[in-house]
């Protein structure tokens, strides 16, 4: 549309549009989304909680420009944002908030423009989905959403079919991933939810949150360390879970590098304990949350998670219990993620520290990652074949960490390297420049939208009890060198493209 035509539409719209006369003090709202989505919102705006006076709609489809939706005009396409905002300002209708509906893109606006809006006090809003806390309503867009790619949107029915009416147990339920698993599982109608965590504070927080959002949900919180095999066995026997999501882990690369014995005890031996307890309790399904750092691992944390993948399947799988492994990359906003670290550094006035200019990682938001985890496990549960492969999540294109830092600075309305310094500090022990989701001894094939299956080229070697007993003894003795050596020896065996003679064993 030519500028003159756009101005004509805007002038006509501005003549008609004013805040609701009965509520002249209502904040003005610009809606971003398709005409059908906007009309659905305008049909019952009060049901979303906060009240606004809509002043117009921006659409991804320029052909919808000029349409009138319940007295609100489609002012233009998202590509004409600057012109629309300029005309709204001139007409005295500059919005106090922008509402992004399902198809309302964020990335096309750019970090600088969104940062400018935030510094001007314009609120950036989303309508809450079914799986979000608090039910129907509007919420502020999180920093993670502003940084991430457009999320994969999936049909929620397979996840509901997986957990509805089932008894579900989540380990690490107070952590970033575990707590979001608990939220989405609760929203999908499970019969009972058991929250297990070693952290009293985290467990209290998620239990209280779920109690407020789903007061009728049968749930139990359990303080338990996955290292304690006997305690786990008793808890699982009492709770009798149908499905187990094992998210408990030590996952900070630098910390686990400095404390390899603790990493081995939690990530490897703790996974064995959970797998054995799930099988003994008759669980129909156990899912292990893994990481891209388990692929060609250079860090102790990555090595422990690669071994945990094998241990979960070997010690948990039986005719009655199916085991799924889900491997994915970084999640924005998780504990220890670069995003909150950068946010703190920016708020402090800098510098923002990046270990290397070429470091890049895969990223998605916590809710999207968990949605895909649940979808992947639902696919595995419905597949009659043996789940020998690792389910990996399509993470989109990797993002350079230094570019992430620049975007975060711009989102605060600041200029990188001018208002806020970006400082290169050097790679840390165990850190790689890039990560991958599929290893050299695996072949990948699409499983479903957003999910890829990485299948080993050859049967994996069994890890016998004697090997794990030696690892446990070394860990308890604080033999860091011995633990590192044993971990990477095991990883070398697991990554072999052909099985070593005499090393392939039967499942326990």
Protein backbone atom coordinates (compact mmCIF):
# COMPACT_ATOMS: atom_id res chain seq x y z
CA UNK A 1 0.00 0.00 0.00
CA UNK A 2 1.32 3.46 -0.93
CA UNK A 3 1.83 5.94 1.89
CA UNK A 4 -1.04 8.17 0.66
CA UNK A 5 -3.44 5.22 0.74
CA UNK A 6 -2.25 4.24 4.21
CA UNK A 7 -2.72 7.79 5.47
CA UNK A 8 -6.26 7.77 4.03
CA UNK A 9 -7.14 4.60 5.91
CA UNK A 10 -5.61 6.00 9.09
CA UNK A 11 -7.35 9.37 8.85
CA UNK A 12 -10.71 7.67 8.28
CA UNK A 13 -10.03 5.29 11.18
CA UNK A 14 -8.89 8.06 13.51
CA UNK A 15 -12.08 10.01 12.87
CA UNK A 16 -14.10 6.99 14.01
CA UNK A 17 -11.87 5.59 16.74
CA UNK A 18 -11.79 6.98 20.23
CA UNK A 19 -11.45 5.36 23.66
CA UNK A 20 -14.81 4.02 24.86
CA UNK A 21 -16.84 7.10 25.86
CA UNK A 22 -18.07 5.41 29.06
CA UNK A 23 -14.46 4.82 30.09
CA UNK A 24 -12.39 7.73 28.76
CA UNK A 25 -9.51 6.92 31.10
CA UNK A 26 -8.93 3.41 29.74
CA UNK A 27 -5.40 2.88 28.36
CA UNK A 28 -5.23 2.70 24.57
CA UNK A 29 -4.34 -0.64 22.97
CA UNK A 30 -2.88 -1.51 19.55
CA UNK A 31 -3.59 -5.13 18.57
CA UNK A 32 -1.07 -7.11 16.47
CA UNK A 33 -2.42 -10.24 14.78
CA UNK A 34 -4.68 -11.51 12.04
CA UNK A 35 -8.18 -10.09 11.54
CA UNK A 36 -9.81 -13.32 12.73
CA UNK A 37 -7.71 -13.40 15.93
CA UNK A 38 -8.39 -9.72 16.61
CA UNK A 39 -12.12 -10.16 16.11
CA UNK A 40 -12.14 -13.10 18.54
CA UNK A 41 -10.39 -10.95 21.14
CA UNK A 42 -12.69 -7.98 20.55
CA UNK A 43 -15.77 -10.18 20.91
CA UNK A 44 -15.15 -10.47 24.67
CA UNK A 45 -12.23 -8.25 25.69
CA UNK A 46 -13.39 -8.03 29.32
CA UNK A 47 -12.89 -11.79 29.75
CA UNK A 48 -9.14 -11.24 29.49
CA UNK A 49 -8.98 -9.33 32.77
CA UNK A 50 -7.49 -5.89 32.16
CA UNK A 51 -9.61 -3.42 30.22
CA UNK A 52 -8.34 -1.29 27.33
CA UNK A 53 -9.65 1.00 24.60
CA UNK A 54 -8.54 -0.62 21.29
CA UNK A 55 -7.35 1.96 18.72
CA UNK A 56 -6.55 -0.34 15.83
CA UNK A 57 -5.12 -3.57 14.50
CA UNK A 58 -1.83 -4.34 12.74
CA UNK A 59 -2.02 -7.48 10.63
CA UNK A 60 0.59 -9.86 9.15
CA UNK A 61 -1.59 -9.91 6.00
CA UNK A 62 -1.62 -6.54 4.18
CA UNK A 63 -4.79 -7.59 2.30
CA UNK A 64 -6.77 -7.18 5.54
CA UNK A 65 -5.94 -3.45 5.78
CA UNK A 66 -9.09 -1.32 5.96
CA UNK A 67 -11.34 -4.01 7.40
CA UNK A 68 -13.48 -2.97 10.36
CA UNK A 69 -13.73 -5.41 13.26
CA UNK A 70 -16.42 -4.56 15.82
CA UNK A 71 -15.74 -0.84 15.39
CA UNK A 72 -11.96 -1.21 15.33
CA UNK A 73 -10.11 -0.70 12.06
CA UNK A 74 -7.21 -2.76 10.63
CA UNK A 75 -4.79 0.14 10.17
CA UNK A 76 -2.06 -1.59 8.17
CA UNK A 77 0.41 -4.44 7.98
CA UNK A 78 3.18 -5.06 10.50
CA UNK A 79 5.62 -3.78 7.86
CA UNK A 80 3.94 -0.39 8.09
CA UNK A 81 4.37 -0.18 11.85
CA UNK A 82 6.39 3.05 11.94
CA UNK A 83 3.92 4.91 9.71
CA UNK A 84 0.93 3.66 11.72
CA UNK A 85 2.52 4.67 15.04
CA UNK A 86 3.41 8.09 13.65
CA UNK A 87 -0.19 8.70 12.56
CA UNK A 88 -1.58 7.45 15.88
CA UNK A 89 0.73 9.87 17.70
CA UNK A 90 -0.40 12.77 15.51
CA UNK A 91 -4.04 11.82 16.12
CA UNK A 92 -3.60 11.73 19.90
CA UNK A 93 -4.16 7.97 20.01
CA UNK A 94 -0.64 6.69 20.67
CA UNK A 95 -1.08 3.32 22.43
CA UNK A 96 -0.14 2.63 26.03
CA UNK A 97 0.11 -1.08 25.24
CA UNK A 98 0.50 -3.47 22.32
CA UNK A 99 -1.16 -6.88 22.39
CA UNK A 100 0.48 -9.60 20.28
CA UNK A 101 -2.00 -12.34 19.40
CA UNK A 102 -0.98 -15.84 18.24
CA UNK A 103 0.19 -14.75 14.78
CA UNK A 104 1.47 -11.39 15.98
CA UNK A 105 5.20 -11.57 15.18
CA UNK A 106 7.75 -10.12 17.57
CA UNK A 107 10.99 -10.64 15.70
CA UNK A 108 10.04 -8.50 12.70
CA UNK A 109 9.94 -5.42 14.91
CA UNK A 110 13.62 -5.74 15.85
CA UNK A 111 15.34 -5.33 19.20
CA UNK A 112 15.99 -1.59 18.79
CA UNK A 113 12.36 -0.77 17.99
CA UNK A 114 11.02 -2.93 20.83
CA UNK A 115 13.58 -1.43 23.18
CA UNK A 116 12.45 2.05 22.18
CA UNK A 117 8.82 1.14 22.85
CA UNK A 118 9.72 -0.18 26.30
CA UNK A 119 11.64 2.99 27.18
CA UNK A 120 8.58 5.01 26.06
CA UNK A 121 6.52 3.04 28.56
CA UNK A 122 4.52 1.03 25.99
CA UNK A 123 3.57 -2.33 27.53
CA UNK A 124 4.10 -5.40 25.36
CA UNK A 125 1.41 -8.01 26.06
CA UNK A 126 0.42 -11.56 25.09
CA UNK A 127 -2.84 -13.39 25.68
CA UNK A 128 -2.26 -16.36 27.98
CA UNK A 129 -2.59 -19.88 26.64
CA UNK A 130 -4.28 -22.84 28.26
CA UNK A 131 -1.07 -24.14 29.83
CA UNK A 132 -0.02 -20.86 31.41
CA UNK A 133 -0.51 -20.02 35.06
CA UNK A 134 -3.54 -18.00 36.03
CA UNK A 135 -5.77 -19.12 33.17
CA UNK A 136 -7.27 -16.77 30.61
CA UNK A 137 -5.97 -13.21 30.60
CA UNK A 138 -3.19 -10.92 29.43
CA UNK A 139 0.42 -10.98 30.57
CA UNK A 140 3.58 -9.01 29.96
CA UNK A 141 5.82 -10.50 27.26
CA UNK A 142 8.92 -11.98 28.86
CA UNK A 143 12.45 -11.06 27.89
CA UNK A 144 12.96 -14.64 26.70
CA UNK A 145 10.12 -14.33 24.19
CA UNK A 146 11.61 -11.11 22.85
CA UNK A 147 14.91 -12.90 22.26
CA UNK A 148 13.70 -16.21 20.89
CA UNK A 149 12.67 -17.35 17.44
CA UNK A 150 8.94 -17.78 16.64
CA UNK A 151 7.86 -20.78 18.74
CA UNK A 152 6.72 -24.10 17.32
CA UNK A 153 2.97 -24.42 17.90
CA UNK A 154 1.71 -27.93 18.49
CA UNK A 155 -1.62 -29.66 18.92
CA UNK A 156 -2.04 -30.18 22.71
CA UNK A 157 -4.24 -33.29 22.31
CA UNK A 158 -1.41 -35.89 22.20
CA UNK A 159 -0.04 -34.52 25.48
CA UNK A 160 -3.47 -34.61 27.10
CA UNK A 161 -3.86 -38.20 25.91
CA UNK A 162 -0.47 -39.02 27.48
CA UNK A 163 -1.12 -37.69 31.00
CA UNK A 164 -4.89 -37.31 31.42
CA UNK A 165 -6.10 -39.53 34.23
CA UNK A 166 -2.55 -40.80 34.93
CA UNK A 167 -0.40 -40.63 38.05
CA UNK A 168 2.69 -38.59 37.15
CA UNK A 169 5.93 -38.04 39.10
CA UNK A 170 8.46 -35.32 38.26
CA UNK A 171 11.99 -35.35 39.72
CA UNK A 172 13.72 -31.98 39.98
CA UNK A 173 10.20 -30.53 40.09
CA UNK A 174 11.39 -27.24 41.59
CA UNK A 175 13.90 -26.51 38.82
CA UNK A 176 13.43 -24.49 35.64
CA UNK A 177 12.43 -27.42 33.43
CA UNK A 178 10.87 -29.55 36.17
CA UNK A 179 8.55 -26.80 37.37
CA UNK A 180 7.35 -26.06 33.84
CA UNK A 181 6.79 -29.78 33.28
CA UNK A 182 4.66 -29.76 36.45
CA UNK A 183 2.61 -26.78 35.21
CA UNK A 184 1.89 -28.23 31.80
CA UNK A 185 1.15 -31.71 33.19
CA UNK A 186 -1.25 -30.20 35.74
CA UNK A 187 -2.99 -28.26 32.96
CA UNK A 188 -3.37 -31.44 30.91
CA UNK A 189 -5.53 -33.17 33.52
CA UNK A 190 -3.36 -35.72 35.29
CA UNK A 191 -5.01 -37.71 38.08
CA UNK A 192 -2.19 -37.18 40.60
CA UNK A 193 1.05 -35.22 40.47
CA UNK A 194 4.03 -36.02 42.70
CA UNK A 195 6.66 -33.27 42.94
CA UNK A 196 10.07 -34.58 44.00
CA UNK A 197 13.07 -32.34 44.68
CA UNK A 198 16.05 -32.10 47.03
CA UNK A 199 15.60 -28.32 47.37
CA UNK A 200 13.10 -27.40 50.08
CA UNK A 201 12.72 -23.81 48.84
CA UNK A 202 12.15 -24.72 45.19
CA UNK A 203 9.73 -27.49 46.11
CA UNK A 204 7.72 -25.19 48.37
CA UNK A 205 7.49 -22.57 45.60
CA UNK A 206 6.17 -24.85 42.85
CA UNK A 207 3.82 -26.75 45.20
CA UNK A 208 2.24 -23.51 46.37
CA UNK A 209 1.98 -22.20 42.82
CA UNK A 210 0.19 -25.32 41.59
CA UNK A 211 -2.10 -25.33 44.62
CA UNK A 212 -3.27 -21.81 43.79
CA UNK A 213 -3.73 -22.48 40.06
CA UNK A 214 -5.25 -25.98 40.30
CA UNK A 215 -6.68 -26.34 43.83
CA UNK A 216 -8.59 -29.52 42.94
CA UNK A 217 -5.48 -31.32 41.65
CA UNK A 218 -4.38 -34.27 43.78
CA UNK A 219 -0.70 -33.67 44.39
CA UNK A 220 2.06 -34.44 46.87
CA UNK A 221 5.42 -32.76 47.43
CA UNK A 222 8.36 -35.00 48.42
CA UNK A 223 11.77 -33.82 49.64
CA UNK A 224 14.12 -36.46 48.28
CA UNK A 225 17.62 -36.61 46.77
CA UNK A 226 17.87 -38.91 43.74
CA UNK A 227 21.20 -40.14 45.15
CA UNK A 228 19.27 -41.88 47.94
CA UNK A 229 18.25 -45.18 46.31
CA UNK A 230 16.38 -46.61 49.29
CA UNK A 231 14.35 -43.43 49.85
CA UNK A 232 13.50 -43.28 46.13
CA UNK A 233 12.35 -46.88 46.11
CA UNK A 234 10.00 -46.23 49.03
CA UNK A 235 8.60 -43.03 47.50
CA UNK A 236 7.94 -44.69 44.14
CA UNK A 237 6.34 -47.71 45.83
CA UNK A 238 3.99 -45.40 47.74
CA UNK A 239 3.16 -43.07 44.83
CA UNK A 240 2.89 -45.78 42.12
CA UNK A 241 3.46 -43.36 39.21
CA UNK A 242 2.31 -44.32 35.72
CA UNK A 243 4.71 -41.81 34.12
CA UNK A 244 8.01 -40.50 35.46
CA UNK A 245 9.77 -37.38 34.14
CA UNK A 246 13.37 -37.35 35.39
CA UNK A 247 14.55 -33.73 35.28
CA UNK A 248 16.71 -33.73 38.43
CA UNK A 249 20.35 -33.08 37.51
CA UNK A 250 23.41 -30.93 38.12
CA UNK A 251 23.62 -29.01 34.86
CA UNK A 252 25.91 -25.98 35.27
CA UNK A 253 28.94 -26.76 33.12
CA UNK A 254 31.52 -24.84 35.17
CA UNK A 255 30.26 -26.03 38.56
CA UNK A 256 30.15 -29.69 37.54
CA UNK A 257 33.60 -29.30 35.96
CA UNK A 258 34.84 -28.14 39.36
CA UNK A 259 32.92 -30.87 41.24
CA UNK A 260 33.01 -33.99 39.01
CA UNK A 261 32.31 -36.40 41.88
CA UNK A 262 29.04 -34.63 42.67
CA UNK A 263 28.11 -34.60 38.98
CA UNK A 264 28.68 -38.36 38.70
CA UNK A 265 26.69 -39.13 41.86
CA UNK A 266 23.67 -37.05 40.82
CA UNK A 267 23.57 -37.34 37.04
CA UNK A 268 24.77 -40.93 36.53
CA UNK A 269 24.06 -42.82 39.76
CA UNK A 270 20.94 -40.77 40.51
CA UNK A 271 19.57 -41.63 37.07
CA UNK A 272 20.21 -45.33 37.73
CA UNK A 273 18.35 -45.03 41.03
CA UNK A 274 15.34 -43.34 39.42
CA UNK A 275 15.27 -45.86 36.57
CA UNK A 276 15.34 -48.84 38.93
CA UNK A 277 12.69 -47.30 41.20
CA UNK A 278 10.40 -46.54 38.24
CA UNK A 279 10.71 -50.08 36.91
CA UNK A 280 10.18 -51.63 40.35
CA UNK A 281 7.05 -49.52 40.89
CA UNK A 282 5.61 -50.66 37.54
CA UNK A 283 5.70 -47.27 35.80
CA UNK A 284 4.53 -47.50 32.21
CA UNK A 285 6.89 -44.80 31.01
CA UNK A 286 10.03 -43.00 32.18
CA UNK A 287 11.41 -39.96 30.34
CA UNK A 288 14.90 -38.58 30.93
CA UNK A 289 15.60 -34.91 30.21
CA UNK A 290 19.03 -34.72 28.55
CA UNK A 291 21.09 -31.99 26.86
CA UNK A 292 22.94 -31.21 23.65
CA UNK A 293 26.10 -31.11 25.76
CA UNK A 294 25.86 -34.93 25.87
CA UNK A 295 26.87 -34.97 22.19
CA UNK A 296 30.66 -35.27 21.75
CA UNK A 297 31.03 -34.06 25.35
CA UNK A 298 34.08 -32.05 26.35
CA UNK A 299 32.75 -31.18 29.81
CA UNK A 300 32.18 -33.42 32.82
CA UNK A 301 28.54 -32.35 32.85
CA UNK A 302 28.09 -33.39 29.22
CA UNK A 303 29.83 -36.71 29.89
CA UNK A 304 27.59 -37.49 32.88
CA UNK A 305 24.46 -36.76 30.86
CA UNK A 306 25.63 -38.93 27.94
CA UNK A 307 26.17 -41.83 30.35
CA UNK A 308 22.83 -41.05 32.03
CA UNK A 309 21.09 -41.53 28.66
CA UNK A 310 22.48 -45.07 28.42
CA UNK A 311 21.91 -45.85 32.10
CA UNK A 312 18.26 -44.74 32.02
CA UNK A 313 17.45 -47.06 29.14
CA UNK A 314 19.53 -49.99 30.37
CA UNK A 315 18.32 -49.99 33.99
CA UNK A 316 14.77 -48.68 33.48
CA UNK A 317 13.45 -50.41 30.38
CA UNK A 318 11.46 -53.64 30.65
CA UNK A 319 8.47 -55.27 28.99
CA UNK A 320 6.26 -53.13 31.25
CA UNK A 321 8.30 -49.89 31.33
CA UNK A 322 9.17 -47.83 28.27
CA UNK A 323 12.06 -45.35 28.48
CA UNK A 324 12.36 -42.18 26.40
CA UNK A 325 15.38 -39.87 26.22
CA UNK A 326 14.77 -36.26 25.17
CA UNK A 327 17.81 -34.15 24.27
CA UNK A 328 17.69 -30.40 23.64
CA UNK A 329 19.81 -27.26 23.84
CA UNK A 330 19.77 -24.11 25.97
CA UNK A 331 16.55 -22.65 27.29
CA UNK A 332 16.21 -18.92 27.77
CA UNK A 333 15.39 -17.96 31.33
CA UNK A 334 16.50 -21.20 32.97
CA UNK A 335 18.67 -21.12 36.07
CA UNK A 336 22.19 -20.26 34.97
CA UNK A 337 21.11 -19.22 31.45
CA UNK A 338 23.04 -16.35 29.89
CA UNK A 339 19.89 -14.22 29.58
CA UNK A 340 19.38 -13.45 33.31
CA UNK A 341 23.16 -13.06 33.70
CA UNK A 342 23.28 -10.52 30.87
CA UNK A 343 20.18 -8.80 32.27
CA UNK A 344 21.91 -8.36 35.64
CA UNK A 345 25.09 -7.08 33.98
CA UNK A 346 23.14 -4.56 31.88
CA UNK A 347 21.18 -3.33 34.91
CA UNK A 348 24.53 -2.84 36.70
CA UNK A 349 25.79 -0.70 33.81
CA UNK A 350 28.05 -3.35 32.26
CA UNK A 351 30.26 -4.79 31.15
CA UNK A 352 28.41 -7.72 29.57
CA UNK A 353 30.87 -10.62 29.50
CA UNK A 354 31.06 -13.13 26.62
CA UNK A 355 33.61 -15.95 26.67
CA UNK A 356 34.33 -15.93 22.91
CA UNK A 357 33.09 -13.90 19.94
CA UNK A 358 32.26 -17.09 17.98
CA UNK A 359 30.43 -19.06 20.69
CA UNK A 360 26.95 -19.99 19.50
CA UNK A 361 24.13 -22.00 21.04
CA UNK A 362 20.66 -23.29 20.26
CA UNK A 363 17.92 -21.53 22.22
CA UNK A 364 14.22 -21.83 22.91
CA UNK A 365 11.96 -20.69 25.73
CA UNK A 366 11.23 -22.92 28.72
CA UNK A 367 7.49 -23.37 27.90
CA UNK A 368 8.28 -24.26 24.28
CA UNK A 369 11.01 -26.72 25.28
CA UNK A 370 8.70 -28.45 27.76
CA UNK A 371 5.83 -28.50 25.28
CA UNK A 372 8.12 -30.28 22.81
CA UNK A 373 9.41 -32.66 25.51
CA UNK A 374 5.84 -33.70 26.32
CA UNK A 375 5.01 -34.06 22.63
CA UNK A 376 8.13 -36.18 22.06
CA UNK A 377 7.29 -38.47 25.00
CA UNK A 378 3.68 -38.75 23.80
CA UNK A 379 4.97 -39.82 20.36
CA UNK A 380 7.24 -42.40 21.96
CA UNK A 381 4.44 -43.74 24.14
CA UNK A 382 2.19 -44.19 21.10
CA UNK A 383 4.89 -45.87 18.99
CA UNK A 384 4.60 -49.68 19.14
CA UNK A 385 8.27 -50.13 18.21
CA UNK A 386 11.25 -50.18 20.54
CA UNK A 387 12.41 -46.62 21.42
CA UNK A 388 16.13 -47.15 20.80
CA UNK A 389 16.74 -43.63 19.55
CA UNK A 390 17.15 -40.35 21.41
CA UNK A 391 14.42 -37.82 20.73
CA UNK A 392 15.90 -34.41 19.93
CA UNK A 393 14.03 -31.14 19.65
CA UNK A 394 14.33 -28.96 16.56
CA UNK A 395 15.92 -25.85 18.02
CA UNK A 396 16.05 -23.70 14.88
CA UNK A 397 19.29 -21.99 13.92
CA UNK A 398 22.04 -21.50 16.52
CA UNK A 399 22.49 -17.98 17.89
CA UNK A 400 25.82 -16.28 18.50
CA UNK A 401 26.04 -15.38 22.18
CA UNK A 402 27.59 -12.01 21.37
CA UNK A 403 24.59 -11.19 19.13
CA UNK A 404 22.27 -12.22 21.95
CA UNK A 405 24.11 -9.76 24.21
CA UNK A 406 23.73 -6.97 21.64
CA UNK A 407 20.00 -7.63 21.26
CA UNK A 408 19.49 -7.63 25.02
CA UNK A 409 21.27 -4.29 25.33
CA UNK A 410 19.17 -2.86 22.48
CA UNK A 411 15.97 -4.14 24.13
CA UNK A 412 16.76 -1.84 27.06
CA UNK A 413 16.91 1.12 24.69
CA UNK A 414 20.73 1.25 24.93
CA UNK A 415 23.50 1.09 22.34
CA UNK A 416 25.95 -1.86 22.50
CA UNK A 417 29.63 -0.91 22.93
CA UNK A 418 28.56 2.69 23.50
CA UNK A 419 26.23 2.66 26.49
CA UNK A 420 27.19 -0.86 27.60
CA UNK A 421 30.60 -2.49 27.01
CA UNK A 422 30.78 -6.08 25.72
CA UNK A 423 33.92 -7.76 27.08
CA UNK A 424 35.47 -11.04 25.80
CA UNK A 425 36.76 -13.13 28.73
CA UNK A 426 37.97 -16.41 27.14
CA UNK A 427 36.51 -19.92 26.98
CA UNK A 428 35.98 -21.72 30.30
CA UNK A 429 37.09 -25.32 30.98
CA UNK A 430 34.78 -27.78 29.19
CA UNK A 431 33.12 -25.07 27.06
CA UNK A 432 32.77 -25.58 23.29
CA UNK A 433 32.27 -23.01 20.57
CA UNK A 434 29.30 -24.88 19.12
CA UNK A 435 26.92 -27.64 20.19
CA UNK A 436 25.08 -30.34 18.23
CA UNK A 437 22.06 -32.54 18.89
CA UNK A 438 23.17 -35.64 16.95
CA UNK A 439 26.50 -37.46 17.46
CA UNK A 440 28.84 -39.23 15.05
CA UNK A 441 27.51 -42.67 15.99
CA UNK A 442 23.87 -41.68 15.43
CA UNK A 443 21.67 -41.17 12.42
CA UNK A 444 18.81 -38.67 12.49
CA UNK A 445 15.34 -38.86 10.97
CA UNK A 446 12.26 -36.66 11.42
CA UNK A 447 9.82 -38.07 13.97
CA UNK A 448 7.14 -35.36 13.91
CA UNK A 449 6.82 -31.59 13.80
CA UNK A 450 9.56 -30.19 16.02
CA UNK A 451 10.97 -33.63 16.93
CA UNK A 452 13.86 -35.62 15.38
CA UNK A 453 14.97 -39.12 16.41
CA UNK A 454 18.72 -39.84 16.67
CA UNK A 455 19.25 -43.62 16.45
CA UNK A 456 22.57 -45.34 17.26
CA UNK A 457 24.37 -46.88 14.27
CA UNK A 458 25.28 -49.89 16.41
CA UNK A 459 23.96 -51.41 19.67
CA UNK A 460 25.24 -49.57 22.71
CA UNK A 461 27.54 -51.41 25.12
CA UNK A 462 26.05 -52.36 28.47
CA UNK A 463 27.31 -50.61 31.60
CA UNK A 464 27.51 -53.29 34.26
CA UNK A 465 26.98 -52.87 37.97
CA UNK A 466 30.68 -53.36 38.70
CA UNK A 467 31.55 -50.34 36.54
CA UNK A 468 28.98 -48.17 38.29
CA UNK A 469 30.11 -49.45 41.69
CA UNK A 470 33.68 -48.40 40.89
CA UNK A 471 32.45 -44.98 39.75
CA UNK A 472 30.41 -44.61 42.95
CA UNK A 473 33.37 -45.60 45.14
CA UNK A 474 35.63 -43.08 43.39
CA UNK A 475 32.96 -40.37 43.77
CA UNK A 476 32.51 -41.04 47.47
CA UNK A 477 36.29 -41.01 47.92
CA UNK A 478 36.44 -37.58 46.19
CA UNK A 479 38.84 -39.02 43.59
CA UNK A 480 38.29 -36.32 40.97
CA UNK A 481 40.96 -37.58 38.57
CA UNK A 482 39.62 -41.13 38.78
CA UNK A 483 36.02 -40.00 38.23
CA UNK A 484 36.95 -37.90 35.19
CA UNK A 485 38.94 -40.78 33.70
CA UNK A 486 36.12 -43.28 34.22
CA UNK A 487 33.48 -40.91 32.83
CA UNK A 488 35.32 -40.18 29.59
CA UNK A 489 36.30 -43.84 29.14
CA UNK A 490 32.61 -44.71 29.31
CA UNK A 491 31.72 -41.93 26.88
CA UNK A 492 34.31 -43.22 24.40
CA UNK A 493 32.67 -46.65 24.51
CA UNK A 494 29.17 -45.20 24.09
CA UNK A 495 30.19 -43.06 21.10
CA UNK A 496 31.81 -45.92 19.17
CA UNK A 497 30.33 -46.34 15.68
CA UNK A 498 30.75 -50.12 15.95
CA UNK A 499 30.50 -52.19 19.15
CA UNK A 500 33.81 -53.16 20.72
CA UNK A 501 34.32 -56.94 20.82
CA UNK A 502 33.18 -58.42 24.12
CA UNK A 503 31.68 -55.16 25.35
CA UNK A 504 28.12 -55.48 24.18
CA UNK A 505 26.01 -56.89 26.99
CA UNK A 506 22.40 -57.63 27.72
CA UNK A 507 20.06 -55.24 29.46
CA UNK A 508 19.77 -55.48 33.19
